[in-house]
Amino acid sequence: MAHPAEDVRPPAMADVAREAGVSHRTVSRVRSGHPDVRAATREQVTVAVGRLGYRRDSAARAPVTRCTGTLGAIAANTVSAVTSSTCPGSPSARDSAPLW
């Protein structure tokens, strides 16, 4: 039998919207910093986000933003593919390359 804590899913944007009494689109506008949101509404959403512990799901946003925030590398030497010496330029490439 599963432990009850394992059955709890993280809060979704719809949960925040329900808690704040607004639409999911309004929650999205607040979270994106859109300027056309009333201060009182922004506060309602911010309070609901804090109360529920909502965090954006970057995997869910990736198709929309076309950005995953991850960097992939292909290594020819698979014996040491997990070491940074395989791709000595990877730290500088990671820090300077745009992620899109």
PDB file of N, CA and C in Angstrom:
ATOM      1  N   MET A   1       0.828  -1.173   0.000  1.00  0.00           N
ATOM      2  CA  MET A   1       0.000   0.000   0.000  1.00  0.00           C
ATOM      3  C   MET A   1       0.879   1.245   0.000  1.00  0.00           C
ATOM      4  N   ALA A   2       0.531   2.223  -0.842  1.00  0.00           N
ATOM      5  CA  ALA A   2       1.328   3.433  -0.967  1.00  0.00           C
ATOM      6  C   ALA A   2       1.155   4.325   0.254  1.00  0.00           C
ATOM      7  N   HIS A   3       2.207   4.990   0.606  1.00  0.00           N
ATOM      8  CA  HIS A   3       2.165   5.950   1.699  1.00  0.00           C
ATOM      9  C   HIS A   3       1.336   7.153   1.242  1.00  0.00           C
ATOM     10  N   PRO A   4       0.447   7.705   2.074  1.00  0.00           N
ATOM     11  CA  PRO A   4      -0.418   8.815   1.659  1.00  0.00           C
ATOM     12  C   PRO A   4       0.340  10.008   1.093  1.00  0.00           C
ATOM     13  N   ALA A   5       1.538  10.310   1.609  1.00  0.00           N
ATOM     14  CA  ALA A   5       2.311  11.447   1.119  1.00  0.00           C
ATOM     15  C   ALA A   5       2.742  11.237  -0.334  1.00  0.00           C
ATOM     16  N   GLU A   6       2.876   9.991  -0.766  1.00  0.00           N
ATOM     17  CA  GLU A   6       3.293   9.698  -2.134  1.00  0.00           C
ATOM     18  C   GLU A   6       2.170   9.972  -3.132  1.00  0.00           C
ATOM     19  N   ASP A   7       0.927  10.005  -2.670  1.00  0.00           N
ATOM     20  CA  ASP A   7      -0.210  10.214  -3.553  1.00  0.00           C
ATOM     21  C   ASP A   7      -0.506  11.694  -3.800  1.00  0.00           C
ATOM     22  N   VAL A   8       0.147  12.577  -3.086  1.00  0.00           N
ATOM     23  CA  VAL A   8      -0.115  14.001  -3.205  1.00  0.00           C
ATOM     24  C   VAL A   8       0.660  14.557  -4.397  1.00  0.00           C
ATOM     25  N   ARG A   9      -0.078  15.199  -5.316  1.00  0.00           N
ATOM     26  CA  ARG A   9       0.577  15.799  -6.476  1.00  0.00           C
ATOM     27  C   ARG A   9       0.911  17.247  -6.152  1.00  0.00           C
ATOM     28  N   PRO A  10       1.907  17.809  -6.823  1.00  0.00           N
ATOM     29  CA  PRO A  10       2.209  19.221  -6.598  1.00  0.00           C
ATOM     30  C   PRO A  10       1.069  20.083  -7.118  1.00  0.00           C
ATOM     31  N   PRO A  11       0.891  21.268  -6.558  1.00  0.00           N
ATOM     32  CA  PRO A  11      -0.201  22.122  -7.011  1.00  0.00           C
ATOM     33  C   PRO A  11      -0.007  22.566  -8.465  1.00  0.00           C
ATOM     34  N   ALA A  12      -1.096  22.626  -9.198  1.00  0.00           N
ATOM     35  CA  ALA A  12      -1.074  23.065 -10.597  1.00  0.00           C
ATOM     36  C   ALA A  12      -1.596  24.493 -10.677  1.00  0.00           C
ATOM     37  N   MET A  13      -1.416  25.098 -11.841  1.00  0.00           N
ATOM     38  CA  MET A  13      -1.891  26.459 -12.050  1.00  0.00           C
ATOM     39  C   MET A  13      -3.403  26.557 -11.809  1.00  0.00           C
ATOM     40  N   ALA A  14      -4.131  25.521 -12.193  1.00  0.00           N
ATOM     41  CA  ALA A  14      -5.589  25.506 -11.971  1.00  0.00           C
ATOM     42  C   ALA A  14      -5.918  25.555 -10.478  1.00  0.00           C
ATOM     43  N   ASP A  15      -5.095  24.930  -9.657  1.00  0.00           N
ATOM     44  CA  ASP A  15      -5.308  24.975  -8.210  1.00  0.00           C
ATOM     45  C   ASP A  15      -5.112  26.396  -7.671  1.00  0.00           C
ATOM     46  N   VAL A  16      -4.079  27.061  -8.180  1.00  0.00           N
ATOM     47  CA  VAL A  16      -3.825  28.445  -7.769  1.00  0.00           C
ATOM     48  C   VAL A  16      -4.987  29.332  -8.201  1.00  0.00           C
ATOM     49  N   ALA A  17      -5.450  29.142  -9.439  1.00  0.00           N
ATOM     50  CA  ALA A  17      -6.568  29.938  -9.960  1.00  0.00           C
ATOM     51  C   ALA A  17      -7.813  29.749  -9.094  1.00  0.00           C
ATOM     52  N   ARG A  18      -8.112  28.509  -8.745  1.00  0.00           N
ATOM     53  CA  ARG A  18      -9.277  28.212  -7.908  1.00  0.00           C
ATOM     54  C   ARG A  18      -9.132  28.868  -6.541  1.00  0.00           C
ATOM     55  N   GLU A  19      -7.959  28.756  -5.957  1.00  0.00           N
ATOM     56  CA  GLU A  19      -7.686  29.325  -4.634  1.00  0.00           C
ATOM     57  C   GLU A  19      -7.805  30.853  -4.648  1.00  0.00           C
ATOM     58  N   ALA A  20      -7.328  31.485  -5.723  1.00  0.00           N
ATOM     59  CA  ALA A  20      -7.340  32.949  -5.819  1.00  0.00           C
ATOM     60  C   ALA A  20      -8.651  33.493  -6.369  1.00  0.00           C
ATOM     61  N   GLY A  21      -9.485  32.611  -6.930  1.00  0.00           N
ATOM     62  CA  GLY A  21     -10.754  33.048  -7.496  1.00  0.00           C
ATOM     63  C   GLY A  21     -10.599  33.770  -8.822  1.00  0.00           C
ATOM     64  N   VAL A  22      -9.599  33.346  -9.614  1.00  0.00           N
ATOM     65  CA  VAL A  22      -9.338  33.952 -10.918  1.00  0.00           C
ATOM     66  C   VAL A  22      -9.186  32.844 -11.958  1.00  0.00           C
ATOM     67  N   SER A  23      -8.997  33.225 -13.214  1.00  0.00           N
ATOM     68  CA  SER A  23      -8.780  32.240 -14.269  1.00  0.00           C
ATOM     69  C   SER A  23      -7.318  31.798 -14.294  1.00  0.00           C
ATOM     70  N   HIS A  24      -7.056  30.661 -14.945  1.00  0.00           N
ATOM     71  CA  HIS A  24      -5.665  30.199 -15.056  1.00  0.00           C
ATOM     72  C   HIS A  24      -4.848  31.179 -15.892  1.00  0.00           C
ATOM     73  N   ARG A  25      -5.501  31.865 -16.825  1.00  0.00           N
ATOM     74  CA  ARG A  25      -4.807  32.853 -17.660  1.00  0.00           C
ATOM     75  C   ARG A  25      -4.335  34.030 -16.803  1.00  0.00           C
ATOM     76  N   THR A  26      -5.135  34.417 -15.833  1.00  0.00           N
ATOM     77  CA  THR A  26      -4.737  35.500 -14.929  1.00  0.00           C
ATOM     78  C   THR A  26      -3.542  35.074 -14.087  1.00  0.00           C
ATOM     79  N   VAL A  27      -3.550  33.839 -13.624  1.00  0.00           N
ATOM     80  CA  VAL A  27      -2.399  33.318 -12.876  1.00  0.00           C
ATOM     81  C   VAL A  27      -1.160  33.374 -13.757  1.00  0.00           C
ATOM     82  N   SER A  28      -1.291  32.973 -15.005  1.00  0.00           N
ATOM     83  CA  SER A  28      -0.174  33.002 -15.940  1.00  0.00           C
ATOM     84  C   SER A  28       0.340  34.428 -16.141  1.00  0.00           C
ATOM     85  N   ARG A  29      -0.566  35.372 -16.272  1.00  0.00           N
ATOM     86  CA  ARG A  29      -0.164  36.774 -16.456  1.00  0.00           C
ATOM     87  C   ARG A  29       0.588  37.298 -15.233  1.00  0.00           C
ATOM     88  N   VAL A  30       0.096  36.957 -14.062  1.00  0.00           N
ATOM     89  CA  VAL A  30       0.768  37.392 -12.838  1.00  0.00           C
ATOM     90  C   VAL A  30       2.156  36.780 -12.766  1.00  0.00           C
ATOM     91  N   ARG A  31       2.256  35.479 -13.008  1.00  0.00           N
ATOM     92  CA  ARG A  31       3.546  34.783 -12.913  1.00  0.00           C
ATOM     93  C   ARG A  31       4.542  35.261 -13.961  1.00  0.00           C
ATOM     94  N   SER A  32       4.032  35.763 -15.099  1.00  0.00           N
ATOM     95  CA  SER A  32       4.903  36.257 -16.170  1.00  0.00           C
ATOM     96  C   SER A  32       5.247  37.729 -16.000  1.00  0.00           C
ATOM     97  N   GLY A  33       4.662  38.382 -15.009  1.00  0.00           N
ATOM     98  CA  GLY A  33       4.954  39.784 -14.776  1.00  0.00           C
ATOM     99  C   GLY A  33       4.249  40.723 -15.740  1.00  0.00           C
ATOM    100  N   HIS A  34       3.137  40.274 -16.299  1.00  0.00           N
ATOM    101  CA  HIS A  34       2.374  41.096 -17.242  1.00  0.00           C
ATOM    102  C   HIS A  34       1.896  42.362 -16.526  1.00  0.00           C
ATOM    103  N   PRO A  35       2.039  43.530 -17.161  1.00  0.00           N
ATOM    104  CA  PRO A  35       1.690  44.781 -16.485  1.00  0.00           C
ATOM    105  C   PRO A  35       0.180  45.040 -16.347  1.00  0.00           C
ATOM    106  N   ASP A  36      -0.646  44.413 -17.160  1.00  0.00           N
ATOM    107  CA  ASP A  36      -2.080  44.698 -17.152  1.00  0.00           C
ATOM    108  C   ASP A  36      -2.865  43.801 -16.194  1.00  0.00           C
ATOM    109  N   VAL A  37      -2.411  43.738 -14.944  1.00  0.00           N
ATOM    110  CA  VAL A  37      -3.116  42.992 -13.901  1.00  0.00           C
ATOM    111  C   VAL A  37      -3.284  43.937 -12.723  1.00  0.00           C
ATOM    112  N   ARG A  38      -4.502  44.052 -12.220  1.00  0.00           N
ATOM    113  CA  ARG A  38      -4.756  44.921 -11.064  1.00  0.00           C
ATOM    114  C   ARG A  38      -3.911  44.474  -9.869  1.00  0.00           C
ATOM    115  N   ALA A  39      -3.508  45.448  -9.080  1.00  0.00           N
ATOM    116  CA  ALA A  39      -2.662  45.165  -7.912  1.00  0.00           C
ATOM    117  C   ALA A  39      -3.348  44.208  -6.947  1.00  0.00           C
ATOM    118  N   ALA A  40      -4.644  44.378  -6.743  1.00  0.00           N
ATOM    119  CA  ALA A  40      -5.374  43.501  -5.818  1.00  0.00           C
ATOM    120  C   ALA A  40      -5.408  42.067  -6.337  1.00  0.00           C
ATOM    121  N   THR A  41      -5.587  41.921  -7.635  1.00  0.00           N
ATOM    122  CA  THR A  41      -5.606  40.576  -8.244  1.00  0.00           C
ATOM    123  C   THR A  41      -4.230  39.938  -8.158  1.00  0.00           C
ATOM    124  N   ARG A  42      -3.202  40.736  -8.451  1.00  0.00           N
ATOM    125  CA  ARG A  42      -1.818  40.235  -8.354  1.00  0.00           C
ATOM    126  C   ARG A  42      -1.548  39.742  -6.940  1.00  0.00           C
ATOM    127  N   GLU A  43      -2.019  40.478  -5.950  1.00  0.00           N
ATOM    128  CA  GLU A  43      -1.820  40.091  -4.546  1.00  0.00           C
ATOM    129  C   GLU A  43      -2.557  38.795  -4.226  1.00  0.00           C
ATOM    130  N   GLN A  44      -3.804  38.653  -4.696  1.00  0.00           N
ATOM    131  CA  GLN A  44      -4.574  37.416  -4.471  1.00  0.00           C
ATOM    132  C   GLN A  44      -3.823  36.204  -5.017  1.00  0.00           C
ATOM    133  N   VAL A  45      -3.310  36.355  -6.231  1.00  0.00           N
ATOM    134  CA  VAL A  45      -2.598  35.245  -6.865  1.00  0.00           C
ATOM    135  C   VAL A  45      -1.302  34.951  -6.125  1.00  0.00           C
ATOM    136  N   THR A  46      -0.575  35.989  -5.756  1.00  0.00           N
ATOM    137  CA  THR A  46       0.697  35.811  -5.047  1.00  0.00           C
ATOM    138  C   THR A  46       0.484  35.101  -3.708  1.00  0.00           C
ATOM    139  N   VAL A  47      -0.568  35.473  -3.006  1.00  0.00           N
ATOM    140  CA  VAL A  47      -0.888  34.820  -1.725  1.00  0.00           C
ATOM    141  C   VAL A  47      -1.230  33.345  -1.963  1.00  0.00           C
ATOM    142  N   ALA A  48      -2.032  33.066  -2.995  1.00  0.00           N
ATOM    143  CA  ALA A  48      -2.416  31.681  -3.301  1.00  0.00           C
ATOM    144  C   ALA A  48      -1.196  30.846  -3.693  1.00  0.00           C
ATOM    145  N   VAL A  49      -0.298  31.438  -4.471  1.00  0.00           N
ATOM    146  CA  VAL A  49       0.936  30.738  -4.857  1.00  0.00           C
ATOM    147  C   VAL A  49       1.738  30.371  -3.618  1.00  0.00           C
ATOM    148  N   GLY A  50       1.890  31.311  -2.714  1.00  0.00           N
ATOM    149  CA  GLY A  50       2.638  31.051  -1.477  1.00  0.00           C
ATOM    150  C   GLY A  50       1.968  30.025  -0.587  1.00  0.00           C
ATOM    151  N   ARG A  51       0.653  30.115  -0.467  1.00  0.00           N
ATOM    152  CA  ARG A  51      -0.085  29.196   0.397  1.00  0.00           C
ATOM    153  C   ARG A  51      -0.010  27.760  -0.135  1.00  0.00           C
ATOM    154  N   LEU A  52      -0.115  27.610  -1.452  1.00  0.00           N
ATOM    155  CA  LEU A  52      -0.106  26.270  -2.040  1.00  0.00           C
ATOM    156  C   LEU A  52       1.297  25.744  -2.338  1.00  0.00           C
ATOM    157  N   GLY A  53       2.275  26.635  -2.378  1.00  0.00           N
ATOM    158  CA  GLY A  53       3.633  26.216  -2.722  1.00  0.00           C
ATOM    159  C   GLY A  53       3.782  25.917  -4.204  1.00  0.00           C
ATOM    160  N   TYR A  54       3.044  26.645  -5.033  1.00  0.00           N
ATOM    161  CA  TYR A  54       3.077  26.402  -6.489  1.00  0.00           C
ATOM    162  C   TYR A  54       4.418  26.809  -7.085  1.00  0.00           C
ATOM    163  N   ARG A  55       4.924  25.951  -7.974  1.00  0.00           N
ATOM    164  CA  ARG A  55       6.118  26.244  -8.760  1.00  0.00           C
ATOM    165  C   ARG A  55       5.833  25.882 -10.201  1.00  0.00           C
ATOM    166  N   ARG A  56       6.309  26.687 -11.117  1.00  0.00           N
ATOM    167  CA  ARG A  56       6.114  26.409 -12.535  1.00  0.00           C
ATOM    168  C   ARG A  56       6.777  25.096 -12.910  1.00  0.00           C
ATOM    169  N   ASP A  57       6.139  24.367 -13.788  1.00  0.00           N
ATOM    170  CA  ASP A  57       6.677  23.111 -14.298  1.00  0.00           C
ATOM    171  C   ASP A  57       7.410  23.415 -15.597  1.00  0.00           C
ATOM    172  N   SER A  58       8.745  23.441 -15.559  1.00  0.00           N
ATOM    173  CA  SER A  58       9.514  23.811 -16.742  1.00  0.00           C
ATOM    174  C   SER A  58       9.309  22.825 -17.890  1.00  0.00           C
ATOM    175  N   ALA A  59       9.063  21.566 -17.580  1.00  0.00           N
ATOM    176  CA  ALA A  59       8.815  20.589 -18.642  1.00  0.00           C
ATOM    177  C   ALA A  59       7.499  20.883 -19.358  1.00  0.00           C
ATOM    178  N   ALA A  60       6.512  21.361 -18.607  1.00  0.00           N
ATOM    179  CA  ALA A  60       5.229  21.696 -19.222  1.00  0.00           C
ATOM    180  C   ALA A  60       5.339  22.961 -20.055  1.00  0.00           C
ATOM    181  N   ARG A  61       6.229  23.873 -19.669  1.00  0.00           N
ATOM    182  CA  ARG A  61       6.387  25.125 -20.404  1.00  0.00           C
ATOM    183  C   ARG A  61       7.286  24.985 -21.631  1.00  0.00           C
ATOM    184  N   ALA A  62       8.086  23.949 -21.694  1.00  0.00           N
ATOM    185  CA  ALA A  62       9.057  23.804 -22.784  1.00  0.00           C
ATOM    186  C   ALA A  62       8.438  23.871 -24.183  1.00  0.00           C
ATOM    187  N   PRO A  63       7.304  23.228 -24.458  1.00  0.00           N
ATOM    188  CA  PRO A  63       6.741  23.340 -25.810  1.00  0.00           C
ATOM    189  C   PRO A  63       6.311  24.762 -26.175  1.00  0.00           C
ATOM    190  N   VAL A  64       5.918  25.544 -25.185  1.00  0.00           N
ATOM    191  CA  VAL A  64       5.475  26.912 -25.430  1.00  0.00           C
ATOM    192  C   VAL A  64       6.666  27.842 -25.595  1.00  0.00           C
ATOM    193  N   THR A  65       7.631  27.734 -24.685  1.00  0.00           N
ATOM    194  CA  THR A  65       8.778  28.635 -24.697  1.00  0.00           C
ATOM    195  C   THR A  65       9.875  28.170 -25.648  1.00  0.00           C
ATOM    196  N   ARG A  66       9.799  26.916 -26.054  1.00  0.00           N
ATOM    197  CA  ARG A  66      10.824  26.298 -26.898  1.00  0.00           C
ATOM    198  C   ARG A  66      12.198  26.339 -26.234  1.00  0.00           C
ATOM    199  N   CYS A  67      12.178  26.264 -24.897  1.00  0.00           N
ATOM    200  CA  CYS A  67      13.408  26.295 -24.120  1.00  0.00           C
ATOM    201  C   CYS A  67      13.269  25.336 -22.944  1.00  0.00           C
ATOM    202  N   THR A  68      14.183  24.394 -22.845  1.00  0.00           N
ATOM    203  CA  THR A  68      14.131  23.449 -21.736  1.00  0.00           C
ATOM    204  C   THR A  68      15.096  23.814 -20.622  1.00  0.00           C
ATOM    205  N   GLY A  69      16.068  24.694 -20.923  1.00  0.00           N
ATOM    206  CA  GLY A  69      17.062  25.052 -19.916  1.00  0.00           C
ATOM    207  C   GLY A  69      18.056  23.937 -19.664  1.00  0.00           C
ATOM    208  N   THR A  70      18.148  22.997 -20.610  1.00  0.00           N
ATOM    209  CA  THR A  70      19.101  21.899 -20.462  1.00  0.00           C
ATOM    210  C   THR A  70      20.121  21.949 -21.585  1.00  0.00           C
ATOM    211  N   LEU A  71      21.239  21.333 -21.355  1.00  0.00           N
ATOM    212  CA  LEU A  71      22.311  21.272 -22.333  1.00  0.00           C
ATOM    213  C   LEU A  71      22.674  19.811 -22.541  1.00  0.00           C
ATOM    214  N   GLY A  72      22.695  19.379 -23.782  1.00  0.00           N
ATOM    215  CA  GLY A  72      23.065  18.001 -24.084  1.00  0.00           C
ATOM    216  C   GLY A  72      24.458  17.934 -24.667  1.00  0.00           C
ATOM    217  N   ALA A  73      25.112  16.814 -24.495  1.00  0.00           N
ATOM    218  CA  ALA A  73      26.451  16.611 -25.057  1.00  0.00           C
ATOM    219  C   ALA A  73      26.535  15.199 -25.609  1.00  0.00           C
ATOM    220  N   ILE A  74      27.208  15.056 -26.725  1.00  0.00           N
ATOM    221  CA  ILE A  74      27.436  13.743 -27.331  1.00  0.00           C
ATOM    222  C   ILE A  74      28.915  13.448 -27.203  1.00  0.00           C
ATOM    223  N   ALA A  75      29.237  12.292 -26.639  1.00  0.00           N
ATOM    224  CA  ALA A  75      30.631  11.928 -26.423  1.00  0.00           C
ATOM    225  C   ALA A  75      31.001  10.746 -27.289  1.00  0.00           C
ATOM    226  N   ALA A  76      32.152  10.838 -27.947  1.00  0.00           N
ATOM    227  CA  ALA A  76      32.633   9.740 -28.782  1.00  0.00           C
ATOM    228  C   ALA A  76      33.212   8.624 -27.918  1.00  0.00           C
ATOM    229  N   ASN A  77      33.796   8.959 -26.785  1.00  0.00           N
ATOM    230  CA  ASN A  77      34.402   7.998 -25.889  1.00  0.00           C
ATOM    231  C   ASN A  77      33.408   7.691 -24.772  1.00  0.00           C
ATOM    232  N   THR A  78      32.623   6.657 -24.955  1.00  0.00           N
ATOM    233  CA  THR A  78      31.585   6.350 -23.971  1.00  0.00           C
ATOM    234  C   THR A  78      32.131   5.770 -22.673  1.00  0.00           C
ATOM    235  N   VAL A  79      33.389   5.377 -22.664  1.00  0.00           N
ATOM    236  CA  VAL A  79      33.969   4.827 -21.437  1.00  0.00           C
ATOM    237  C   VAL A  79      34.039   5.902 -20.366  1.00  0.00           C
ATOM    238  N   SER A  80      34.356   7.142 -20.766  1.00  0.00           N
ATOM    239  CA  SER A  80      34.469   8.219 -19.780  1.00  0.00           C
ATOM    240  C   SER A  80      33.462   9.346 -20.064  1.00  0.00           C
ATOM    241  N   ALA A  81      32.311   8.979 -20.586  1.00  0.00           N
ATOM    242  CA  ALA A  81      31.310   9.984 -20.953  1.00  0.00           C
ATOM    243  C   ALA A  81      30.785  10.771 -19.767  1.00  0.00           C
ATOM    244  N   VAL A  82      30.899  10.219 -18.575  1.00  0.00           N
ATOM    245  CA  VAL A  82      30.368  10.915 -17.407  1.00  0.00           C
ATOM    246  C   VAL A  82      31.370  11.886 -16.794  1.00  0.00           C
ATOM    247  N   THR A  83      32.588  11.912 -17.274  1.00  0.00           N
ATOM    248  CA  THR A  83      33.572  12.819 -16.701  1.00  0.00           C
ATOM    249  C   THR A  83      33.659  14.096 -17.508  1.00  0.00           C
ATOM    250  N   SER A  84      34.017  15.181 -16.850  1.00  0.00           N
ATOM    251  CA  SER A  84      34.116  16.466 -17.540  1.00  0.00           C
ATOM    252  C   SER A  84      35.314  16.514 -18.468  1.00  0.00           C
ATOM    253  N   SER A  85      36.309  15.596 -18.288  1.00  0.00           N
ATOM    254  CA  SER A  85      37.468  15.597 -19.166  1.00  0.00           C
ATOM    255  C   SER A  85      37.117  15.129 -20.574  1.00  0.00           C
ATOM    256  N   THR A  86      35.980  14.479 -20.738  1.00  0.00           N
ATOM    257  CA  THR A  86      35.546  14.048 -22.067  1.00  0.00           C
ATOM    258  C   THR A  86      35.283  15.256 -22.956  1.00  0.00           C
ATOM    259  N   CYS A  87      34.690  16.283 -22.382  1.00  0.00           N
ATOM    260  CA  CYS A  87      34.362  17.509 -23.120  1.00  0.00           C
ATOM    261  C   CYS A  87      34.974  18.682 -22.372  1.00  0.00           C
ATOM    262  N   PRO A  88      36.278  18.904 -22.538  1.00  0.00           N
ATOM    263  CA  PRO A  88      36.922  19.938 -21.732  1.00  0.00           C
ATOM    264  C   PRO A  88      36.356  21.337 -21.961  1.00  0.00           C
ATOM    265  N   GLY A  89      35.736  21.586 -23.097  1.00  0.00           N
ATOM    266  CA  GLY A  89      35.173  22.902 -23.351  1.00  0.00           C
ATOM    267  C   GLY A  89      33.761  23.065 -22.844  1.00  0.00           C
ATOM    268  N   SER A  90      33.166  22.009 -22.309  1.00  0.00           N
ATOM    269  CA  SER A  90      31.754  22.080 -21.939  1.00  0.00           C
ATOM    270  C   SER A  90      31.415  23.117 -20.873  1.00  0.00           C
ATOM    271  N   PRO A  91      32.229  23.322 -19.828  1.00  0.00           N
ATOM    272  CA  PRO A  91      31.834  24.355 -18.860  1.00  0.00           C
ATOM    273  C   PRO A  91      31.742  25.744 -19.482  1.00  0.00           C
ATOM    274  N   SER A  92      32.706  26.113 -20.324  1.00  0.00           N
ATOM    275  CA  SER A  92      32.649  27.438 -20.928  1.00  0.00           C
ATOM    276  C   SER A  92      31.522  27.516 -21.947  1.00  0.00           C
ATOM    277  N   ALA A  93      31.274  26.442 -22.682  1.00  0.00           N
ATOM    278  CA  ALA A  93      30.167  26.431 -23.634  1.00  0.00           C
ATOM    279  C   ALA A  93      28.839  26.535 -22.902  1.00  0.00           C
ATOM    280  N   ARG A  94      28.747  25.827 -21.798  1.00  0.00           N
ATOM    281  CA  ARG A  94      27.517  25.859 -21.010  1.00  0.00           C
ATOM    282  C   ARG A  94      27.250  27.254 -20.472  1.00  0.00           C
ATOM    283  N   ASP A  95      28.285  27.937 -20.005  1.00  0.00           N
ATOM    284  CA  ASP A  95      28.092  29.238 -19.377  1.00  0.00           C
ATOM    285  C   ASP A  95      27.871  30.370 -20.372  1.00  0.00           C
ATOM    286  N   SER A  96      28.323  30.202 -21.613  1.00  0.00           N
ATOM    287  CA  SER A  96      28.205  31.312 -22.567  1.00  0.00           C
ATOM    288  C   SER A  96      27.186  31.093 -23.671  1.00  0.00           C
ATOM    289  N   ALA A  97      26.771  29.853 -23.907  1.00  0.00           N
ATOM    290  CA  ALA A  97      25.855  29.580 -25.003  1.00  0.00           C
ATOM    291  C   ALA A  97      24.423  29.934 -24.625  1.00  0.00           C
ATOM    292  N   PRO A  98      23.692  30.564 -25.553  1.00  0.00           N
ATOM    293  CA  PRO A  98      22.274  30.800 -25.274  1.00  0.00           C
ATOM    294  C   PRO A  98      21.502  29.487 -25.307  1.00  0.00           C
ATOM    295  N   LEU A  99      20.526  29.373 -24.436  1.00  0.00           N
ATOM    296  CA  LEU A  99      19.700  28.171 -24.395  1.00  0.00           C
ATOM    297  C   LEU A  99      18.386  28.477 -25.079  1.00  0.00           C
ATOM    298  N   TRP A 100      18.170  27.944 -26.256  1.00  0.00           N
ATOM    299  CA  TRP A 100      16.901  28.136 -26.959  1.00  0.00           C
ATOM    300  C   TRP A 100      16.392  26.884 -27.547  1.00  0.00           C
TER     301      TRP A 100
END
